[in-house]
Amino acid sequence: MQTFVFKFYFGDHARYLHFHGEAHARLERDNSVYKDLANERTMFIRIVSPFLFWAPYVHHRALQKMWVDGVLHKSVWEEAMNRLNGEWQEFVLLVRLFLSLQT
């Protein structure tokens, strides 16, 4: 029984999540097999986003492409977090530079 559970969880579970062999199978990671649900942005984000150089829209779109139908791949998440960490390190470096030039 343990080998069946192990095989299903690590082998067949991905096939189950992506409807392997079905007519409506998920062929690409960022395509939904269900009806697309539009995630509306709040009024606050619509107002504040231009002042933040449209960064909330960009990050929201990236999250929508990563998180499809409640399925998120670990490799995609790690890649996104590495990219965000790199962006923040660049911002911190620029802030340090500007602060050191002002003093």
N, C-alpha and C. Protein backbone atom coordinates (compact mmCIF):
# COMPACT_ATOMS: atom_id res chain seq x y z
N MET A 1 0.82 -1.19 0.00
CA MET A 1 0.00 0.00 0.00
C MET A 1 0.87 1.25 0.00
N GLN A 2 1.97 1.19 0.72
CA GLN A 2 2.84 2.35 0.83
C GLN A 2 3.47 2.69 -0.53
N THR A 3 3.84 1.71 -1.30
CA THR A 3 4.42 1.98 -2.62
C THR A 3 3.39 2.57 -3.57
N PHE A 4 2.12 2.14 -3.44
CA PHE A 4 1.07 2.71 -4.27
C PHE A 4 0.88 4.19 -3.94
N VAL A 5 0.84 4.53 -2.68
CA VAL A 5 0.68 5.92 -2.26
C VAL A 5 1.88 6.73 -2.72
N PHE A 6 3.06 6.20 -2.54
CA PHE A 6 4.28 6.90 -2.96
C PHE A 6 4.27 7.15 -4.46
N LYS A 7 3.92 6.12 -5.25
CA LYS A 7 3.89 6.26 -6.70
C LYS A 7 2.83 7.26 -7.14
N PHE A 8 1.64 7.20 -6.51
CA PHE A 8 0.58 8.13 -6.89
C PHE A 8 0.98 9.56 -6.56
N TYR A 9 1.51 9.76 -5.37
CA TYR A 9 1.81 11.13 -4.95
C TYR A 9 2.91 11.75 -5.81
N PHE A 10 3.95 11.01 -6.08
CA PHE A 10 5.08 11.59 -6.81
C PHE A 10 5.00 11.39 -8.32
N GLY A 11 4.26 10.43 -8.80
CA GLY A 11 4.21 10.17 -10.23
C GLY A 11 2.89 10.56 -10.86
N ASP A 12 1.83 9.99 -10.36
CA ASP A 12 0.53 10.17 -11.00
C ASP A 12 -0.23 11.38 -10.49
N HIS A 13 0.19 11.96 -9.41
CA HIS A 13 -0.53 13.12 -8.87
C HIS A 13 -0.48 14.30 -9.84
N ALA A 14 0.65 14.53 -10.49
CA ALA A 14 0.76 15.61 -11.48
C ALA A 14 -0.15 15.32 -12.67
N ARG A 15 -0.22 14.07 -13.06
CA ARG A 15 -1.12 13.71 -14.16
C ARG A 15 -2.57 13.97 -13.77
N TYR A 16 -2.91 13.67 -12.53
CA TYR A 16 -4.25 13.91 -12.03
C TYR A 16 -4.57 15.40 -12.02
N LEU A 17 -3.65 16.23 -11.56
CA LEU A 17 -3.88 17.67 -11.48
C LEU A 17 -4.04 18.30 -12.86
N HIS A 18 -3.36 17.77 -13.85
CA HIS A 18 -3.37 18.37 -15.19
C HIS A 18 -4.28 17.63 -16.16
N PHE A 19 -5.13 16.72 -15.64
CA PHE A 19 -6.11 15.99 -16.45
C PHE A 19 -5.44 15.25 -17.61
N HIS A 20 -4.39 14.53 -17.30
CA HIS A 20 -3.63 13.79 -18.31
C HIS A 20 -4.53 12.78 -19.03
N GLY A 21 -4.51 12.83 -20.35
CA GLY A 21 -5.27 11.90 -21.15
C GLY A 21 -6.70 12.34 -21.43
N GLU A 22 -7.12 13.43 -20.85
CA GLU A 22 -8.48 13.92 -21.07
C GLU A 22 -8.51 14.88 -22.26
N ALA A 23 -9.67 15.12 -22.78
CA ALA A 23 -9.81 16.03 -23.93
C ALA A 23 -9.52 17.48 -23.54
N HIS A 24 -9.71 17.81 -22.29
CA HIS A 24 -9.48 19.18 -21.83
C HIS A 24 -8.24 19.27 -20.91
N ALA A 25 -7.22 18.55 -21.24
CA ALA A 25 -6.01 18.51 -20.42
C ALA A 25 -5.28 19.85 -20.46
N ARG A 26 -4.57 20.14 -19.37
CA ARG A 26 -3.77 21.36 -19.31
C ARG A 26 -2.46 21.09 -20.05
N LEU A 27 -2.29 21.74 -21.18
CA LEU A 27 -1.11 21.50 -22.01
C LEU A 27 0.03 22.44 -21.66
N GLU A 28 -0.29 23.58 -21.11
CA GLU A 28 0.74 24.53 -20.70
C GLU A 28 0.48 24.93 -19.26
N ARG A 29 1.54 25.28 -18.58
CA ARG A 29 1.45 25.56 -17.16
C ARG A 29 0.59 26.78 -16.84
N ASP A 30 0.57 27.77 -17.72
CA ASP A 30 -0.15 29.00 -17.40
C ASP A 30 -1.53 29.09 -18.04
N ASN A 31 -2.06 27.98 -18.55
CA ASN A 31 -3.41 27.96 -19.11
C ASN A 31 -4.34 27.23 -18.15
N SER A 32 -5.51 27.80 -17.95
CA SER A 32 -6.49 27.20 -17.06
C SER A 32 -7.34 26.19 -17.83
N VAL A 33 -7.73 25.11 -17.15
CA VAL A 33 -8.64 24.16 -17.76
C VAL A 33 -10.07 24.48 -17.37
N TYR A 34 -10.24 25.35 -16.41
CA TYR A 34 -11.55 25.77 -15.98
C TYR A 34 -11.90 27.11 -16.64
N LYS A 35 -13.10 27.54 -16.40
CA LYS A 35 -13.53 28.83 -16.91
C LYS A 35 -12.67 29.93 -16.28
N ASP A 36 -12.18 30.84 -17.11
CA ASP A 36 -11.33 31.90 -16.59
C ASP A 36 -12.13 32.83 -15.69
N LEU A 37 -11.60 33.02 -14.50
CA LEU A 37 -12.22 33.94 -13.56
C LEU A 37 -11.39 35.22 -13.55
N ALA A 38 -12.01 36.31 -13.89
CA ALA A 38 -11.29 37.58 -13.93
C ALA A 38 -11.08 38.09 -12.51
N ASN A 39 -9.84 38.33 -12.17
CA ASN A 39 -9.51 38.90 -10.87
C ASN A 39 -9.45 40.41 -11.01
N GLU A 40 -10.48 41.07 -10.53
CA GLU A 40 -10.53 42.52 -10.63
C GLU A 40 -9.60 43.15 -9.60
N ARG A 41 -9.00 44.22 -9.98
CA ARG A 41 -8.15 44.96 -9.07
C ARG A 41 -9.01 45.93 -8.27
N THR A 42 -8.63 46.17 -7.04
CA THR A 42 -9.42 47.06 -6.19
C THR A 42 -9.23 48.51 -6.62
N MET A 43 -10.13 49.35 -6.18
CA MET A 43 -10.06 50.77 -6.50
C MET A 43 -8.78 51.39 -5.93
N PHE A 44 -8.38 50.93 -4.75
CA PHE A 44 -7.16 51.45 -4.13
C PHE A 44 -5.94 51.18 -5.01
N ILE A 45 -5.83 49.96 -5.52
CA ILE A 45 -4.70 49.61 -6.38
C ILE A 45 -4.76 50.38 -7.69
N ARG A 46 -5.95 50.58 -8.22
CA ARG A 46 -6.07 51.36 -9.45
C ARG A 46 -5.60 52.80 -9.26
N ILE A 47 -5.86 53.37 -8.09
CA ILE A 47 -5.46 54.76 -7.83
C ILE A 47 -3.98 54.85 -7.52
N VAL A 48 -3.46 53.93 -6.73
CA VAL A 48 -2.08 54.00 -6.25
C VAL A 48 -1.08 53.50 -7.28
N SER A 49 -1.49 52.63 -8.17
CA SER A 49 -0.59 51.98 -9.11
C SER A 49 0.22 52.95 -9.98
N PRO A 50 -0.36 54.02 -10.53
CA PRO A 50 0.47 54.94 -11.32
C PRO A 50 1.59 55.60 -10.51
N PHE A 51 1.34 55.82 -9.23
CA PHE A 51 2.36 56.42 -8.37
C PHE A 51 3.47 55.43 -8.04
N LEU A 52 3.17 54.16 -8.16
CA LEU A 52 4.16 53.10 -7.92
C LEU A 52 4.73 52.56 -9.23
N PHE A 53 4.60 53.35 -10.29
CA PHE A 53 5.13 53.01 -11.62
C PHE A 53 4.56 51.70 -12.14
N TRP A 54 3.30 51.44 -11.89
CA TRP A 54 2.55 50.28 -12.37
C TRP A 54 3.10 48.94 -11.87
N ALA A 55 3.90 48.96 -10.83
CA ALA A 55 4.46 47.71 -10.29
C ALA A 55 3.39 46.75 -9.78
N PRO A 56 2.32 47.22 -9.11
CA PRO A 56 1.29 46.25 -8.68
C PRO A 56 0.66 45.48 -9.83
N TYR A 57 0.43 46.14 -10.97
CA TYR A 57 -0.13 45.44 -12.12
C TYR A 57 0.82 44.37 -12.63
N VAL A 58 2.09 44.70 -12.70
CA VAL A 58 3.08 43.75 -13.21
C VAL A 58 3.17 42.53 -12.29
N HIS A 59 3.22 42.77 -10.98
CA HIS A 59 3.33 41.65 -10.04
C HIS A 59 2.03 40.84 -10.00
N HIS A 60 0.90 41.50 -10.12
CA HIS A 60 -0.38 40.77 -10.14
C HIS A 60 -0.47 39.86 -11.36
N ARG A 61 -0.05 40.36 -12.51
CA ARG A 61 -0.07 39.55 -13.73
C ARG A 61 0.88 38.36 -13.58
N ALA A 62 2.05 38.59 -12.99
CA ALA A 62 3.00 37.49 -12.79
C ALA A 62 2.43 36.44 -11.84
N LEU A 63 1.76 36.88 -10.78
CA LEU A 63 1.15 35.93 -9.86
C LEU A 63 0.02 35.15 -10.53
N GLN A 64 -0.75 35.79 -11.39
CA GLN A 64 -1.80 35.09 -12.11
C GLN A 64 -1.23 34.01 -13.03
N LYS A 65 -0.08 34.29 -13.64
CA LYS A 65 0.52 33.29 -14.54
C LYS A 65 1.13 32.13 -13.74
N MET A 66 1.57 32.40 -12.50
CA MET A 66 2.16 31.33 -11.69
C MET A 66 1.09 30.47 -11.05
N TRP A 67 0.05 31.08 -10.50
CA TRP A 67 -0.96 30.39 -9.72
C TRP A 67 -2.18 30.18 -10.60
N VAL A 68 -2.25 29.04 -11.27
CA VAL A 68 -3.35 28.74 -12.19
C VAL A 68 -4.13 27.55 -11.64
N ASP A 69 -5.41 27.75 -11.46
CA ASP A 69 -6.32 26.70 -10.97
C ASP A 69 -5.88 26.13 -9.62
N GLY A 70 -5.25 26.93 -8.79
CA GLY A 70 -4.82 26.47 -7.48
C GLY A 70 -3.58 25.60 -7.52
N VAL A 71 -2.87 25.60 -8.63
CA VAL A 71 -1.66 24.80 -8.77
C VAL A 71 -0.48 25.74 -8.97
N LEU A 72 0.54 25.55 -8.15
CA LEU A 72 1.75 26.38 -8.23
C LEU A 72 2.95 25.45 -8.23
N HIS A 73 3.80 25.58 -9.24
CA HIS A 73 4.99 24.74 -9.33
C HIS A 73 6.12 25.36 -8.52
N LYS A 74 6.81 24.52 -7.81
CA LYS A 74 7.88 24.99 -6.92
C LYS A 74 8.97 25.71 -7.69
N SER A 75 9.35 25.21 -8.84
CA SER A 75 10.43 25.83 -9.61
C SER A 75 10.04 27.23 -10.08
N VAL A 76 8.78 27.41 -10.46
CA VAL A 76 8.31 28.72 -10.89
C VAL A 76 8.31 29.70 -9.72
N TRP A 77 7.88 29.23 -8.56
CA TRP A 77 7.86 30.08 -7.37
C TRP A 77 9.28 30.49 -6.98
N GLU A 78 10.20 29.54 -6.99
CA GLU A 78 11.59 29.86 -6.64
C GLU A 78 12.19 30.86 -7.62
N GLU A 79 11.90 30.71 -8.90
CA GLU A 79 12.40 31.64 -9.91
C GLU A 79 11.84 33.04 -9.67
N ALA A 80 10.55 33.13 -9.36
CA ALA A 80 9.94 34.43 -9.11
C ALA A 80 10.51 35.08 -7.85
N MET A 81 10.72 34.29 -6.81
CA MET A 81 11.27 34.85 -5.57
C MET A 81 12.72 35.30 -5.77
N ASN A 82 13.49 34.56 -6.54
CA ASN A 82 14.86 34.99 -6.84
C ASN A 82 14.87 36.29 -7.63
N ARG A 83 13.93 36.43 -8.56
CA ARG A 83 13.83 37.65 -9.35
C ARG A 83 13.44 38.84 -8.45
N LEU A 84 12.47 38.63 -7.55
CA LEU A 84 12.06 39.70 -6.64
C LEU A 84 13.19 40.08 -5.69
N ASN A 85 13.91 39.09 -5.18
CA ASN A 85 15.04 39.38 -4.30
C ASN A 85 16.11 40.18 -5.04
N GLY A 86 16.35 39.85 -6.29
CA GLY A 86 17.31 40.61 -7.08
C GLY A 86 16.87 42.05 -7.28
N GLU A 87 15.57 42.25 -7.54
CA GLU A 87 15.05 43.61 -7.70
C GLU A 87 15.21 44.41 -6.42
N TRP A 88 14.87 43.79 -5.30
CA TRP A 88 14.99 44.49 -4.01
C TRP A 88 16.44 44.81 -3.69
N GLN A 89 17.36 43.91 -4.02
CA GLN A 89 18.77 44.20 -3.78
C GLN A 89 19.24 45.37 -4.62
N GLU A 90 18.75 45.48 -5.85
CA GLU A 90 19.10 46.63 -6.68
C GLU A 90 18.55 47.92 -6.09
N PHE A 91 17.30 47.88 -5.60
CA PHE A 91 16.71 49.07 -4.99
C PHE A 91 17.47 49.49 -3.74
N VAL A 92 17.83 48.53 -2.91
CA VAL A 92 18.57 48.83 -1.69
C VAL A 92 19.94 49.42 -2.04
N LEU A 93 20.58 48.90 -3.06
CA LEU A 93 21.87 49.43 -3.48
C LEU A 93 21.73 50.88 -3.96
N LEU A 94 20.69 51.16 -4.73
CA LEU A 94 20.47 52.53 -5.20
C LEU A 94 20.17 53.48 -4.04
N VAL A 95 19.36 53.03 -3.09
CA VAL A 95 19.04 53.87 -1.93
C VAL A 95 20.29 54.15 -1.11
N ARG A 96 21.11 53.14 -0.91
CA ARG A 96 22.37 53.35 -0.18
C ARG A 96 23.26 54.35 -0.90
N LEU A 97 23.31 54.24 -2.21
CA LEU A 97 24.13 55.15 -3.01
C LEU A 97 23.61 56.58 -2.88
N PHE A 98 22.32 56.77 -3.01
CA PHE A 98 21.75 58.11 -2.90
C PHE A 98 21.91 58.68 -1.50
N LEU A 99 21.75 57.86 -0.48
CA LEU A 99 21.92 58.34 0.88
C LEU A 99 23.37 58.68 1.18
N SER A 100 24.28 57.92 0.65
CA SER A 100 25.70 58.22 0.90
C SER A 100 26.13 59.47 0.14
N LEU A 101 25.52 59.76 -0.99
CA LEU A 101 25.86 60.97 -1.74
C LEU A 101 25.29 62.22 -1.09
N GLN A 102 24.19 62.10 -0.37
CA GLN A 102 23.57 63.26 0.27
C GLN A 102 24.27 63.67 1.56
N THR A 103 24.98 62.78 2.18
CA THR A 103 25.64 63.13 3.44
C THR A 103 27.05 63.61 3.23
